[in-house]
């Protein structure tokens, strides 16, 4: 907008401030416009500049799955019941009787003071009359085989409720030197499965 100059009557002579020229008016008008334009440019520049998004780290690598060990062998341990069952009870012919014998052919005996669940032959008695370790395979022998726990924690084979023993006095298969003996507090008998048990040893 143009500004008109005024004459100061008290100035005397030429105190007229003069009229502002059109060129200067255009300059004055252009200044606010240029400032506004500059502000718009700055605002646009700020709006148009997008910050670079923070780089996302690569996902953590997943470790390879742990290798699985091969399954344990299922073979029975040497001290397991399956391994112990390799011992087989057989029979032996002594005189007119068929008697129980262990896998080596030695005669098996019963001890009269025993019960179906307890052996009464321990200590020195068990050294002369070694208990037959169980369990055992039947070897086709008819009867009921089982086991009991002895006082020392070991397992002893039984037949028809009788704990089984061998005798150190038998030095070879087919002998029955312990049959009929009264020793260690009771009588010892071979176990006949057929025929009649032999007479007591002398």
N, C-alpha and C. Protein backbone atom coordinates (compact mmCIF):
# COMPACT_ATOMS: atom_id res chain seq x y z
N UNK A 1 0.85 -1.17 0.00
CA UNK A 1 0.00 0.00 0.00
C UNK A 1 0.88 1.22 0.00
N UNK A 2 0.61 2.26 -0.82
CA UNK A 2 1.42 3.48 -0.94
C UNK A 2 1.20 4.35 0.26
N UNK A 3 2.31 5.06 0.65
CA UNK A 3 2.24 6.00 1.80
C UNK A 3 2.42 7.42 1.27
N UNK A 4 1.48 8.15 1.58
CA UNK A 4 1.52 9.55 1.06
C UNK A 4 2.24 10.44 2.05
N UNK A 5 3.22 11.28 1.53
CA UNK A 5 3.94 12.19 2.40
C UNK A 5 3.09 13.40 2.76
N UNK A 6 3.38 14.06 3.84
CA UNK A 6 2.66 15.25 4.33
C UNK A 6 3.62 16.40 4.48
N UNK A 7 3.12 17.50 4.37
CA UNK A 7 3.92 18.72 4.49
C UNK A 7 3.79 19.27 5.88
N UNK A 8 4.95 19.48 6.48
CA UNK A 8 4.95 20.05 7.84
C UNK A 8 4.92 21.56 7.71
N UNK A 9 3.78 22.18 8.05
CA UNK A 9 3.66 23.62 7.85
C UNK A 9 4.65 24.39 8.67
N UNK A 10 5.16 23.87 9.80
CA UNK A 10 6.07 24.61 10.64
C UNK A 10 7.50 24.47 10.23
N UNK A 11 7.80 23.75 9.23
CA UNK A 11 9.19 23.53 8.87
C UNK A 11 9.74 24.66 8.06
N UNK A 12 8.88 25.38 7.46
CA UNK A 12 9.27 26.54 6.64
C UNK A 12 10.02 26.12 5.41
N UNK A 13 9.67 26.46 4.36
CA UNK A 13 10.35 26.13 3.09
C UNK A 13 10.04 24.73 2.66
N UNK A 14 11.06 24.03 2.42
CA UNK A 14 10.88 22.70 1.79
C UNK A 14 10.92 21.60 2.82
N UNK A 15 10.15 21.56 3.82
CA UNK A 15 10.13 20.49 4.84
C UNK A 15 9.33 19.31 4.42
N UNK A 16 8.91 19.31 3.15
CA UNK A 16 8.08 18.18 2.70
C UNK A 16 8.89 16.89 2.72
N UNK A 17 8.34 15.87 3.40
CA UNK A 17 9.00 14.56 3.45
C UNK A 17 8.99 13.84 2.11
N UNK A 18 8.17 14.19 1.30
CA UNK A 18 8.15 13.58 -0.04
C UNK A 18 7.36 12.30 -0.09
N UNK A 19 6.97 12.04 -1.22
CA UNK A 19 6.20 10.80 -1.43
C UNK A 19 7.13 9.64 -1.70
N UNK A 20 6.81 8.49 -1.13
CA UNK A 20 7.60 7.26 -1.33
C UNK A 20 7.35 6.75 -2.72
N UNK A 21 8.49 6.48 -3.41
CA UNK A 21 8.37 6.04 -4.79
C UNK A 21 7.78 4.67 -4.94
N UNK A 22 7.19 4.43 -6.12
CA UNK A 22 6.57 3.12 -6.38
C UNK A 22 7.55 1.97 -6.26
N UNK A 23 8.84 2.18 -6.68
CA UNK A 23 9.81 1.07 -6.63
C UNK A 23 10.06 0.65 -5.21
N UNK A 24 10.17 1.65 -4.32
CA UNK A 24 10.42 1.31 -2.92
C UNK A 24 9.21 0.62 -2.30
N UNK A 25 8.06 1.03 -2.75
CA UNK A 25 6.85 0.37 -2.25
C UNK A 25 6.84 -1.09 -2.62
N UNK A 26 7.25 -1.35 -3.84
CA UNK A 26 7.26 -2.77 -4.28
C UNK A 26 8.25 -3.59 -3.46
N UNK A 27 9.41 -2.95 -3.15
CA UNK A 27 10.40 -3.65 -2.33
C UNK A 27 9.85 -3.95 -0.94
N UNK A 28 9.19 -2.94 -0.35
CA UNK A 28 8.65 -3.14 0.98
C UNK A 28 7.56 -4.21 1.00
N UNK A 29 6.77 -4.23 -0.06
CA UNK A 29 5.73 -5.24 -0.14
C UNK A 29 6.31 -6.64 -0.36
N UNK A 30 7.44 -6.66 -1.07
CA UNK A 30 8.02 -7.98 -1.39
C UNK A 30 8.69 -8.63 -0.20
N UNK A 31 9.18 -7.80 0.76
CA UNK A 31 9.91 -8.38 1.89
C UNK A 31 9.09 -9.36 2.71
N UNK A 32 7.85 -8.97 3.13
CA UNK A 32 7.06 -9.96 3.90
C UNK A 32 6.76 -11.22 3.10
N UNK A 33 6.54 -11.03 1.79
CA UNK A 33 6.23 -12.20 0.96
C UNK A 33 7.42 -13.15 0.88
N UNK A 34 8.63 -12.52 0.71
CA UNK A 34 9.83 -13.38 0.64
C UNK A 34 10.05 -14.11 1.93
N UNK A 35 9.80 -13.39 3.07
CA UNK A 35 9.97 -14.06 4.37
C UNK A 35 9.01 -15.21 4.54
N UNK A 36 7.78 -14.98 4.10
CA UNK A 36 6.79 -16.06 4.22
C UNK A 36 7.16 -17.23 3.36
N UNK A 37 7.68 -16.90 2.13
CA UNK A 37 8.07 -17.99 1.23
C UNK A 37 9.22 -18.80 1.82
N UNK A 38 10.18 -18.05 2.44
CA UNK A 38 11.31 -18.75 3.05
C UNK A 38 10.83 -19.66 4.18
N UNK A 39 9.89 -19.16 4.95
CA UNK A 39 9.37 -19.99 6.06
C UNK A 39 8.69 -21.22 5.53
N UNK A 40 7.96 -21.05 4.40
CA UNK A 40 7.28 -22.22 3.82
C UNK A 40 8.30 -23.23 3.33
N UNK A 41 9.38 -22.71 2.69
CA UNK A 41 10.42 -23.64 2.20
C UNK A 41 11.06 -24.42 3.33
N UNK A 42 11.35 -23.70 4.43
CA UNK A 42 11.97 -24.38 5.58
C UNK A 42 11.03 -25.45 6.13
N UNK A 43 9.74 -25.06 6.23
CA UNK A 43 8.77 -26.04 6.75
C UNK A 43 8.66 -27.24 5.86
N UNK A 44 8.64 -26.98 4.53
CA UNK A 44 8.53 -28.11 3.59
C UNK A 44 9.76 -29.00 3.65
N UNK A 45 10.92 -28.29 3.78
CA UNK A 45 12.16 -29.07 3.85
C UNK A 45 12.16 -29.96 5.08
N UNK A 46 11.67 -29.40 6.21
CA UNK A 46 11.64 -30.21 7.44
C UNK A 46 10.67 -31.36 7.33
N UNK A 47 9.50 -31.06 6.69
CA UNK A 47 8.48 -32.11 6.56
C UNK A 47 8.92 -33.17 5.58
N UNK A 48 9.63 -32.73 4.52
CA UNK A 48 9.99 -33.70 3.49
C UNK A 48 11.15 -34.58 3.87
N UNK A 49 11.94 -34.13 4.83
CA UNK A 49 13.11 -34.94 5.23
C UNK A 49 12.65 -36.01 6.20
N UNK A 50 12.77 -37.26 5.82
CA UNK A 50 12.38 -38.37 6.70
C UNK A 50 13.63 -38.99 7.27
N UNK A 51 13.61 -39.19 8.55
CA UNK A 51 14.78 -39.80 9.18
C UNK A 51 14.89 -41.25 8.77
N UNK A 52 16.11 -41.65 8.56
CA UNK A 52 16.36 -43.06 8.17
C UNK A 52 16.04 -43.97 9.35
N UNK A 53 15.17 -44.96 9.14
CA UNK A 53 14.83 -45.84 10.28
C UNK A 53 16.05 -46.59 10.76
N UNK A 54 16.10 -46.77 12.06
CA UNK A 54 17.23 -47.51 12.63
C UNK A 54 17.29 -48.90 12.02
N UNK A 55 18.48 -49.29 11.70
CA UNK A 55 18.63 -50.62 11.07
C UNK A 55 18.26 -51.69 12.08
N UNK A 56 17.48 -52.61 11.62
CA UNK A 56 17.09 -53.72 12.51
C UNK A 56 18.15 -54.79 12.44
N UNK A 57 18.56 -55.22 13.59
CA UNK A 57 19.60 -56.25 13.62
C UNK A 57 19.05 -57.55 13.09
N UNK A 58 19.91 -58.29 12.45
CA UNK A 58 19.50 -59.58 11.90
C UNK A 58 19.08 -60.51 13.02
N UNK A 59 18.06 -61.35 12.77
CA UNK A 59 17.62 -62.26 13.85
C UNK A 59 18.75 -63.16 14.29
N UNK A 60 18.79 -63.41 15.60
CA UNK A 60 19.85 -64.26 16.14
C UNK A 60 19.81 -65.63 15.50
N UNK A 61 20.98 -66.09 15.16
CA UNK A 61 21.02 -67.40 14.51
C UNK A 61 20.64 -68.47 15.51
N UNK A 62 19.85 -69.40 15.07
CA UNK A 62 19.43 -70.49 15.96
C UNK A 62 20.46 -71.59 15.89
N UNK A 63 20.87 -72.04 17.06
CA UNK A 63 21.89 -73.08 17.08
C UNK A 63 21.31 -74.38 16.56
N UNK A 64 22.16 -75.17 15.99
CA UNK A 64 21.72 -76.46 15.45
C UNK A 64 21.22 -77.34 16.58
N UNK A 65 20.18 -78.15 16.33
CA UNK A 65 19.66 -79.00 17.41
C UNK A 65 20.73 -79.97 17.92
N UNK A 66 20.69 -80.19 19.25
CA UNK A 66 21.68 -81.08 19.84
C UNK A 66 21.55 -82.47 19.26
N UNK A 67 22.68 -83.05 19.02
CA UNK A 67 22.66 -84.40 18.44
C UNK A 67 22.14 -85.38 19.47
N UNK A 68 21.34 -86.28 19.04
CA UNK A 68 20.77 -87.28 19.96
C UNK A 68 21.68 -88.48 19.99
N UNK A 69 21.95 -88.93 21.20
CA UNK A 69 22.83 -90.08 21.34
C UNK A 69 22.10 -91.35 20.92
N UNK A 70 22.86 -92.31 20.52
CA UNK A 70 22.27 -93.58 20.11
C UNK A 70 21.61 -94.24 21.30
N UNK A 71 20.48 -94.95 21.10
CA UNK A 71 19.80 -95.61 22.22
C UNK A 71 20.70 -96.59 22.92
N UNK A 72 20.54 -96.65 24.23
CA UNK A 72 21.37 -97.57 25.00
C UNK A 72 21.10 -99.00 24.59
N UNK A 73 22.13 -99.78 24.71
CA UNK A 73 21.99 -101.19 24.35
C UNK A 73 21.02 -101.87 25.30
N UNK A 74 20.19 -102.73 24.76
CA UNK A 74 19.20 -103.42 25.60
C UNK A 74 19.67 -104.80 26.02
N UNK A 75 20.92 -105.11 25.75
CA UNK A 75 21.43 -106.42 26.15
C UNK A 75 21.45 -106.50 27.66
N UNK A 76 21.04 -107.61 28.27
CA UNK A 76 20.99 -107.71 29.72
C UNK A 76 22.37 -107.63 30.33
N UNK A 77 22.48 -106.94 31.45
CA UNK A 77 23.76 -106.86 32.14
C UNK A 77 24.12 -108.22 32.68
N UNK A 78 25.45 -108.40 32.87
CA UNK A 78 25.91 -109.73 33.29
C UNK A 78 25.37 -110.13 34.65
N UNK A 79 25.06 -109.12 35.52
CA UNK A 79 24.55 -109.46 36.84
C UNK A 79 23.05 -109.42 36.95
N UNK A 80 22.36 -109.23 35.83
CA UNK A 80 20.90 -109.09 35.85
C UNK A 80 20.23 -110.45 35.96
N UNK A 81 18.94 -110.48 36.36
CA UNK A 81 18.23 -111.75 36.44
C UNK A 81 18.22 -112.51 35.12
N UNK A 82 18.14 -111.79 33.99
CA UNK A 82 18.12 -112.48 32.70
C UNK A 82 19.42 -113.24 32.48
N UNK A 83 20.55 -112.60 32.89
CA UNK A 83 21.83 -113.27 32.73
C UNK A 83 21.95 -114.44 33.70
N UNK A 84 21.45 -114.25 34.93
CA UNK A 84 21.55 -115.31 35.93
C UNK A 84 20.70 -116.52 35.54
N UNK A 85 19.65 -116.31 34.75
CA UNK A 85 18.76 -117.40 34.38
C UNK A 85 19.40 -118.35 33.39
N UNK A 86 20.64 -118.02 32.95
CA UNK A 86 21.34 -118.92 32.03
C UNK A 86 21.64 -120.26 32.71
N UNK A 87 21.75 -120.26 34.05
CA UNK A 87 21.98 -121.52 34.76
C UNK A 87 20.72 -122.37 34.66
N UNK A 88 20.89 -123.61 34.25
CA UNK A 88 19.75 -124.49 34.01
C UNK A 88 19.78 -125.68 34.96
N UNK A 89 18.64 -125.94 35.58
CA UNK A 89 18.51 -127.13 36.42
C UNK A 89 18.19 -128.32 35.53
N UNK A 90 18.91 -129.39 35.71
CA UNK A 90 18.71 -130.60 34.92
C UNK A 90 18.42 -131.77 35.86
N UNK A 91 18.52 -132.95 35.35
CA UNK A 91 18.35 -134.15 36.18
C UNK A 91 19.55 -135.08 35.96
N UNK A 92 19.75 -135.92 36.94
CA UNK A 92 20.82 -136.92 36.85
C UNK A 92 20.29 -138.24 37.38
N UNK A 93 20.79 -139.30 36.80
CA UNK A 93 20.38 -140.64 37.25
C UNK A 93 21.37 -141.15 38.28
N UNK A 94 20.87 -141.37 39.52
CA UNK A 94 21.71 -141.90 40.59
C UNK A 94 21.01 -143.13 41.16
N UNK A 95 21.57 -144.28 40.93
CA UNK A 95 20.93 -145.53 41.35
C UNK A 95 19.63 -145.69 40.57
N UNK A 96 18.55 -145.88 41.30
CA UNK A 96 17.24 -146.07 40.67
C UNK A 96 16.44 -144.78 40.60
N UNK A 97 17.04 -143.69 41.05
CA UNK A 97 16.29 -142.42 41.12
C UNK A 97 16.84 -141.41 40.10
N UNK A 98 15.93 -140.60 39.66
CA UNK A 98 16.31 -139.45 38.85
C UNK A 98 16.20 -138.24 39.75
N UNK A 99 17.32 -137.54 39.97
CA UNK A 99 17.36 -136.44 40.93
C UNK A 99 17.71 -135.13 40.24
N UNK A 100 17.39 -134.05 40.93
CA UNK A 100 17.75 -132.73 40.40
C UNK A 100 19.25 -132.53 40.45
N UNK A 101 19.77 -131.86 39.42
CA UNK A 101 21.19 -131.52 39.37
C UNK A 101 21.32 -130.12 38.78
N UNK A 102 22.42 -129.47 39.08
CA UNK A 102 22.61 -128.14 38.51
C UNK A 102 23.16 -128.25 37.09
N UNK A 103 23.47 -127.10 36.48
CA UNK A 103 23.88 -127.11 35.08
C UNK A 103 25.19 -127.84 34.86
N UNK A 104 25.98 -128.07 35.93
CA UNK A 104 27.24 -128.81 35.81
C UNK A 104 27.07 -130.29 36.12
N UNK A 105 25.82 -130.68 36.46
CA UNK A 105 25.55 -132.09 36.72
C UNK A 105 25.71 -132.50 38.17
N UNK A 106 25.97 -131.53 39.08
CA UNK A 106 26.11 -131.87 40.49
C UNK A 106 24.74 -131.94 41.16
N UNK A 107 24.60 -132.91 42.05
CA UNK A 107 23.34 -133.16 42.72
C UNK A 107 22.91 -131.95 43.57
N UNK A 108 21.60 -131.67 43.53
CA UNK A 108 21.02 -130.61 44.36
C UNK A 108 20.32 -131.23 45.55
N UNK A 109 20.42 -130.52 46.68
CA UNK A 109 19.87 -131.03 47.94
C UNK A 109 18.90 -130.03 48.56
N UNK A 110 18.04 -130.59 49.45
CA UNK A 110 17.18 -129.76 50.31
C UNK A 110 17.62 -129.94 51.74
N UNK A 111 17.32 -128.95 52.60
CA UNK A 111 17.70 -128.97 54.01
C UNK A 111 16.42 -128.94 54.83
N UNK A 112 16.24 -129.94 55.67
CA UNK A 112 14.98 -130.12 56.39
C UNK A 112 14.55 -128.91 57.21
N UNK A 113 15.45 -128.20 57.92
CA UNK A 113 14.99 -127.07 58.73
C UNK A 113 14.52 -125.84 57.92
N UNK A 114 14.75 -125.83 56.61
CA UNK A 114 14.33 -124.66 55.81
C UNK A 114 12.82 -124.54 55.71
N UNK A 115 12.36 -123.33 55.35
CA UNK A 115 10.96 -123.10 55.03
C UNK A 115 10.89 -122.65 53.56
N UNK A 116 9.71 -122.59 52.98
CA UNK A 116 9.62 -122.15 51.57
C UNK A 116 10.13 -120.74 51.32
N UNK A 117 10.23 -119.92 52.38
CA UNK A 117 10.66 -118.54 52.19
C UNK A 117 11.96 -118.19 52.90
N UNK A 118 12.56 -119.18 53.60
CA UNK A 118 13.77 -118.85 54.37
C UNK A 118 14.73 -120.02 54.40
N UNK A 119 16.01 -119.68 54.18
CA UNK A 119 17.08 -120.68 54.34
C UNK A 119 17.62 -120.60 55.75
N UNK A 120 17.82 -121.74 56.37
CA UNK A 120 18.41 -121.81 57.71
C UNK A 120 19.83 -122.34 57.67
N UNK A 121 20.44 -122.27 56.49
CA UNK A 121 21.83 -122.68 56.34
C UNK A 121 22.65 -121.45 55.96
N UNK A 122 23.39 -120.91 56.92
CA UNK A 122 24.18 -119.71 56.71
C UNK A 122 25.57 -119.90 57.32
N UNK A 123 26.45 -118.96 57.05
CA UNK A 123 27.78 -119.03 57.64
C UNK A 123 28.55 -120.27 57.20
N UNK A 124 29.06 -121.02 58.20
CA UNK A 124 29.86 -122.22 57.92
C UNK A 124 29.04 -123.27 57.20
N UNK A 125 27.74 -123.31 57.50
CA UNK A 125 26.87 -124.28 56.82
C UNK A 125 26.85 -124.01 55.31
N UNK A 126 26.73 -122.74 54.94
CA UNK A 126 26.66 -122.39 53.52
C UNK A 126 28.00 -122.62 52.80
N UNK A 127 29.08 -122.70 53.56
CA UNK A 127 30.37 -123.00 52.94
C UNK A 127 30.46 -124.48 52.56
N UNK A 128 29.84 -125.33 53.39
CA UNK A 128 29.84 -126.77 53.08
C UNK A 128 28.72 -127.13 52.12
N UNK A 129 27.65 -126.36 52.19
CA UNK A 129 26.48 -126.60 51.33
C UNK A 129 26.16 -125.30 50.56
N UNK A 130 26.90 -125.01 49.50
CA UNK A 130 26.70 -123.74 48.78
C UNK A 130 25.30 -123.62 48.21
N UNK A 131 24.61 -122.52 48.48
CA UNK A 131 23.26 -122.31 47.92
C UNK A 131 23.34 -122.21 46.39
N UNK A 132 22.36 -122.77 45.72
CA UNK A 132 22.26 -122.65 44.26
C UNK A 132 21.66 -121.28 43.93
N UNK A 133 22.42 -120.48 43.20
CA UNK A 133 21.96 -119.13 42.88
C UNK A 133 20.78 -119.17 41.92
N UNK A 134 19.83 -118.27 42.14
CA UNK A 134 18.66 -118.19 41.27
C UNK A 134 18.56 -116.83 40.62
N UNK A 135 17.62 -116.68 39.70
CA UNK A 135 16.70 -117.72 39.22
C UNK A 135 17.39 -118.69 38.27
N UNK A 136 16.73 -119.78 37.99
CA UNK A 136 17.27 -120.81 37.09
C UNK A 136 16.24 -121.16 36.03
N UNK A 137 16.74 -121.66 34.92
CA UNK A 137 15.84 -122.17 33.88
C UNK A 137 15.48 -123.61 34.25
N UNK A 138 14.27 -124.01 33.90
CA UNK A 138 13.77 -125.31 34.37
C UNK A 138 14.36 -126.48 33.62
N UNK A 139 14.78 -126.28 32.38
CA UNK A 139 15.35 -127.39 31.62
C UNK A 139 14.37 -128.51 31.37
N UNK A 140 13.08 -128.20 31.36
CA UNK A 140 12.07 -129.21 31.09
C UNK A 140 11.66 -130.02 32.31
N UNK A 141 12.23 -129.70 33.47
CA UNK A 141 11.88 -130.42 34.69
C UNK A 141 10.51 -129.96 35.17
N UNK A 142 9.64 -130.91 35.50
CA UNK A 142 8.31 -130.56 35.99
C UNK A 142 8.38 -130.24 37.47
N UNK A 143 7.75 -129.14 37.84
CA UNK A 143 7.76 -128.70 39.23
C UNK A 143 7.73 -127.18 39.26
N UNK A 144 7.70 -126.64 40.46
CA UNK A 144 7.62 -125.20 40.62
C UNK A 144 8.95 -124.65 41.09
N UNK A 145 9.54 -123.82 40.22
CA UNK A 145 10.81 -123.18 40.57
C UNK A 145 10.54 -121.75 41.02
N UNK A 146 11.36 -121.28 41.94
CA UNK A 146 11.22 -119.92 42.44
C UNK A 146 12.53 -119.44 43.02
N UNK A 147 12.46 -118.37 43.78
CA UNK A 147 13.66 -117.82 44.43
C UNK A 147 13.28 -117.28 45.81
N UNK A 148 14.28 -117.17 46.67
CA UNK A 148 14.14 -116.50 47.96
C UNK A 148 15.33 -115.58 48.15
N UNK A 149 15.17 -114.60 49.04
CA UNK A 149 16.27 -113.73 49.42
C UNK A 149 16.93 -114.29 50.67
N UNK A 150 18.23 -114.46 50.59
CA UNK A 150 18.97 -114.96 51.74
C UNK A 150 19.32 -113.81 52.69
N UNK A 151 19.83 -114.15 53.87
CA UNK A 151 20.14 -113.13 54.87
C UNK A 151 21.24 -112.18 54.40
N UNK A 152 22.09 -112.63 53.47
CA UNK A 152 23.16 -111.76 52.97
C UNK A 152 22.71 -110.96 51.74
N UNK A 153 21.42 -111.07 51.37
CA UNK A 153 20.89 -110.32 50.24
C UNK A 153 20.97 -111.02 48.91
N UNK A 154 21.64 -112.15 48.85
CA UNK A 154 21.75 -112.88 47.58
C UNK A 154 20.44 -113.65 47.30
N UNK A 155 20.32 -114.13 46.07
CA UNK A 155 19.11 -114.84 45.65
C UNK A 155 19.41 -116.33 45.52
N UNK A 156 18.53 -117.15 46.08
CA UNK A 156 18.71 -118.60 46.05
C UNK A 156 17.53 -119.24 45.32
N UNK A 157 17.83 -120.25 44.49
CA UNK A 157 16.79 -120.95 43.75
C UNK A 157 16.07 -121.94 44.67
N UNK A 158 14.78 -122.11 44.37
CA UNK A 158 13.98 -123.09 45.12
C UNK A 158 13.25 -124.00 44.14
N UNK A 159 12.89 -125.19 44.65
CA UNK A 159 12.10 -126.13 43.85
C UNK A 159 11.01 -126.70 44.75
N UNK A 160 9.74 -126.51 44.34
CA UNK A 160 8.59 -126.97 45.12
C UNK A 160 8.70 -126.54 46.59
N UNK A 161 9.17 -125.30 46.80
CA UNK A 161 9.24 -124.76 48.16
C UNK A 161 10.49 -125.13 48.92
N UNK A 162 11.45 -125.80 48.29
CA UNK A 162 12.69 -126.19 48.98
C UNK A 162 13.86 -125.37 48.43
N UNK A 163 14.55 -124.60 49.27
CA UNK A 163 15.78 -123.96 48.82
C UNK A 163 16.80 -125.02 48.39
N UNK A 164 17.53 -124.73 47.33
CA UNK A 164 18.43 -125.73 46.74
C UNK A 164 19.90 -125.47 47.08
N UNK A 165 20.64 -126.58 47.28
CA UNK A 165 22.06 -126.51 47.64
C UNK A 165 22.83 -127.58 46.87
N UNK A 166 24.13 -127.34 46.73
CA UNK A 166 25.04 -128.42 46.33
C UNK A 166 25.85 -128.82 47.57
N UNK A 167 26.74 -129.77 47.42
CA UNK A 167 27.52 -130.26 48.55
C UNK A 167 28.99 -130.35 48.14
N UNK A 168 29.87 -129.76 48.99
CA UNK A 168 31.29 -129.76 48.64
C UNK A 168 31.88 -131.18 48.66
N UNK A 169 31.16 -132.11 49.31
CA UNK A 169 31.65 -133.50 49.35
C UNK A 169 31.46 -134.22 48.02
N UNK A 170 30.65 -133.65 47.10
CA UNK A 170 30.49 -134.23 45.76
C UNK A 170 31.58 -133.63 44.87
N UNK A 171 32.50 -134.47 44.44
CA UNK A 171 33.64 -133.98 43.66
C UNK A 171 33.48 -134.19 42.16
N UNK A 172 32.38 -134.85 41.77
CA UNK A 172 32.15 -135.09 40.34
C UNK A 172 30.65 -135.21 40.11
N UNK A 173 30.20 -134.91 38.90
CA UNK A 173 28.78 -135.08 38.60
C UNK A 173 28.34 -136.53 38.82
N UNK A 174 27.07 -136.72 39.22
CA UNK A 174 26.53 -138.06 39.42
C UNK A 174 26.74 -138.60 40.81
N UNK A 175 27.38 -137.83 41.69
CA UNK A 175 27.55 -138.27 43.08
C UNK A 175 26.44 -137.68 43.95
N UNK A 176 26.15 -138.36 45.07
CA UNK A 176 25.16 -137.87 46.04
C UNK A 176 25.66 -138.19 47.43
N UNK A 177 26.89 -137.74 47.74
CA UNK A 177 27.50 -138.06 49.02
C UNK A 177 26.84 -137.33 50.19
N UNK A 178 26.02 -136.32 49.88
CA UNK A 178 25.37 -135.60 50.98
C UNK A 178 23.99 -136.13 51.31
N UNK A 179 23.50 -137.10 50.54
CA UNK A 179 22.14 -137.59 50.75
C UNK A 179 22.02 -138.30 52.09
N UNK A 180 21.05 -137.88 52.93
CA UNK A 180 20.77 -138.53 54.19
C UNK A 180 21.68 -138.07 55.32
N UNK A 181 22.60 -137.13 55.06
CA UNK A 181 23.48 -136.70 56.14
C UNK A 181 22.71 -135.82 57.12
N UNK A 182 23.06 -135.95 58.40
CA UNK A 182 22.54 -135.08 59.44
C UNK A 182 23.69 -134.14 59.81
N UNK A 183 23.60 -132.92 59.30
CA UNK A 183 24.71 -131.97 59.51
C UNK A 183 24.15 -130.56 59.58
N UNK A 184 24.86 -129.70 60.31
CA UNK A 184 24.52 -128.29 60.44
C UNK A 184 23.12 -128.09 61.03
N UNK A 185 22.67 -129.08 61.81
CA UNK A 185 21.40 -128.93 62.51
C UNK A 185 20.21 -129.54 61.82
N UNK A 186 20.43 -130.38 60.82
CA UNK A 186 19.28 -130.99 60.16
C UNK A 186 19.70 -132.00 59.10
N UNK A 187 18.70 -132.67 58.54
CA UNK A 187 18.94 -133.70 57.52
C UNK A 187 18.98 -133.07 56.12
N UNK A 188 19.82 -133.72 55.29
CA UNK A 188 19.97 -133.30 53.89
C UNK A 188 19.49 -134.42 52.99
N UNK A 189 18.73 -134.02 51.95
CA UNK A 189 18.19 -135.03 51.03
C UNK A 189 18.40 -134.60 49.58
N UNK A 190 18.76 -135.58 48.76
CA UNK A 190 18.70 -135.32 47.32
C UNK A 190 17.23 -135.18 46.94
N UNK A 191 16.95 -134.54 45.83
CA UNK A 191 15.55 -134.28 45.45
C UNK A 191 15.22 -135.15 44.26
N UNK A 192 14.45 -136.22 44.52
CA UNK A 192 14.08 -137.17 43.47
C UNK A 192 12.88 -136.64 42.72
N UNK A 193 12.96 -136.62 41.38
CA UNK A 193 11.82 -136.22 40.56
C UNK A 193 11.18 -137.44 39.92
N UNK A 194 11.85 -138.57 40.02
CA UNK A 194 11.28 -139.83 39.52
C UNK A 194 12.01 -140.97 40.24
N UNK A 195 11.26 -142.05 40.51
CA UNK A 195 11.87 -143.18 41.22
C UNK A 195 11.99 -142.92 42.69
N UNK A 196 12.80 -143.65 43.37
CA UNK A 196 12.97 -143.56 44.82
C UNK A 196 14.35 -143.03 45.15
N UNK A 197 14.39 -142.07 46.06
CA UNK A 197 15.68 -141.50 46.44
C UNK A 197 16.56 -142.60 47.03
N UNK A 198 17.85 -142.45 46.79
CA UNK A 198 18.79 -143.47 47.25
C UNK A 198 18.90 -143.47 48.76
N UNK A 199 19.50 -144.51 49.32
CA UNK A 199 19.69 -144.58 50.77
C UNK A 199 20.67 -143.54 51.23
N UNK A 200 20.62 -143.25 52.52
CA UNK A 200 21.52 -142.25 53.09
C UNK A 200 22.95 -142.70 52.91
N UNK A 201 23.83 -141.74 52.66
CA UNK A 201 25.24 -142.03 52.50
C UNK A 201 25.82 -142.46 53.83
N UNK A 202 26.83 -143.31 53.79
CA UNK A 202 27.39 -143.86 54.99
C UNK A 202 28.23 -142.93 55.74
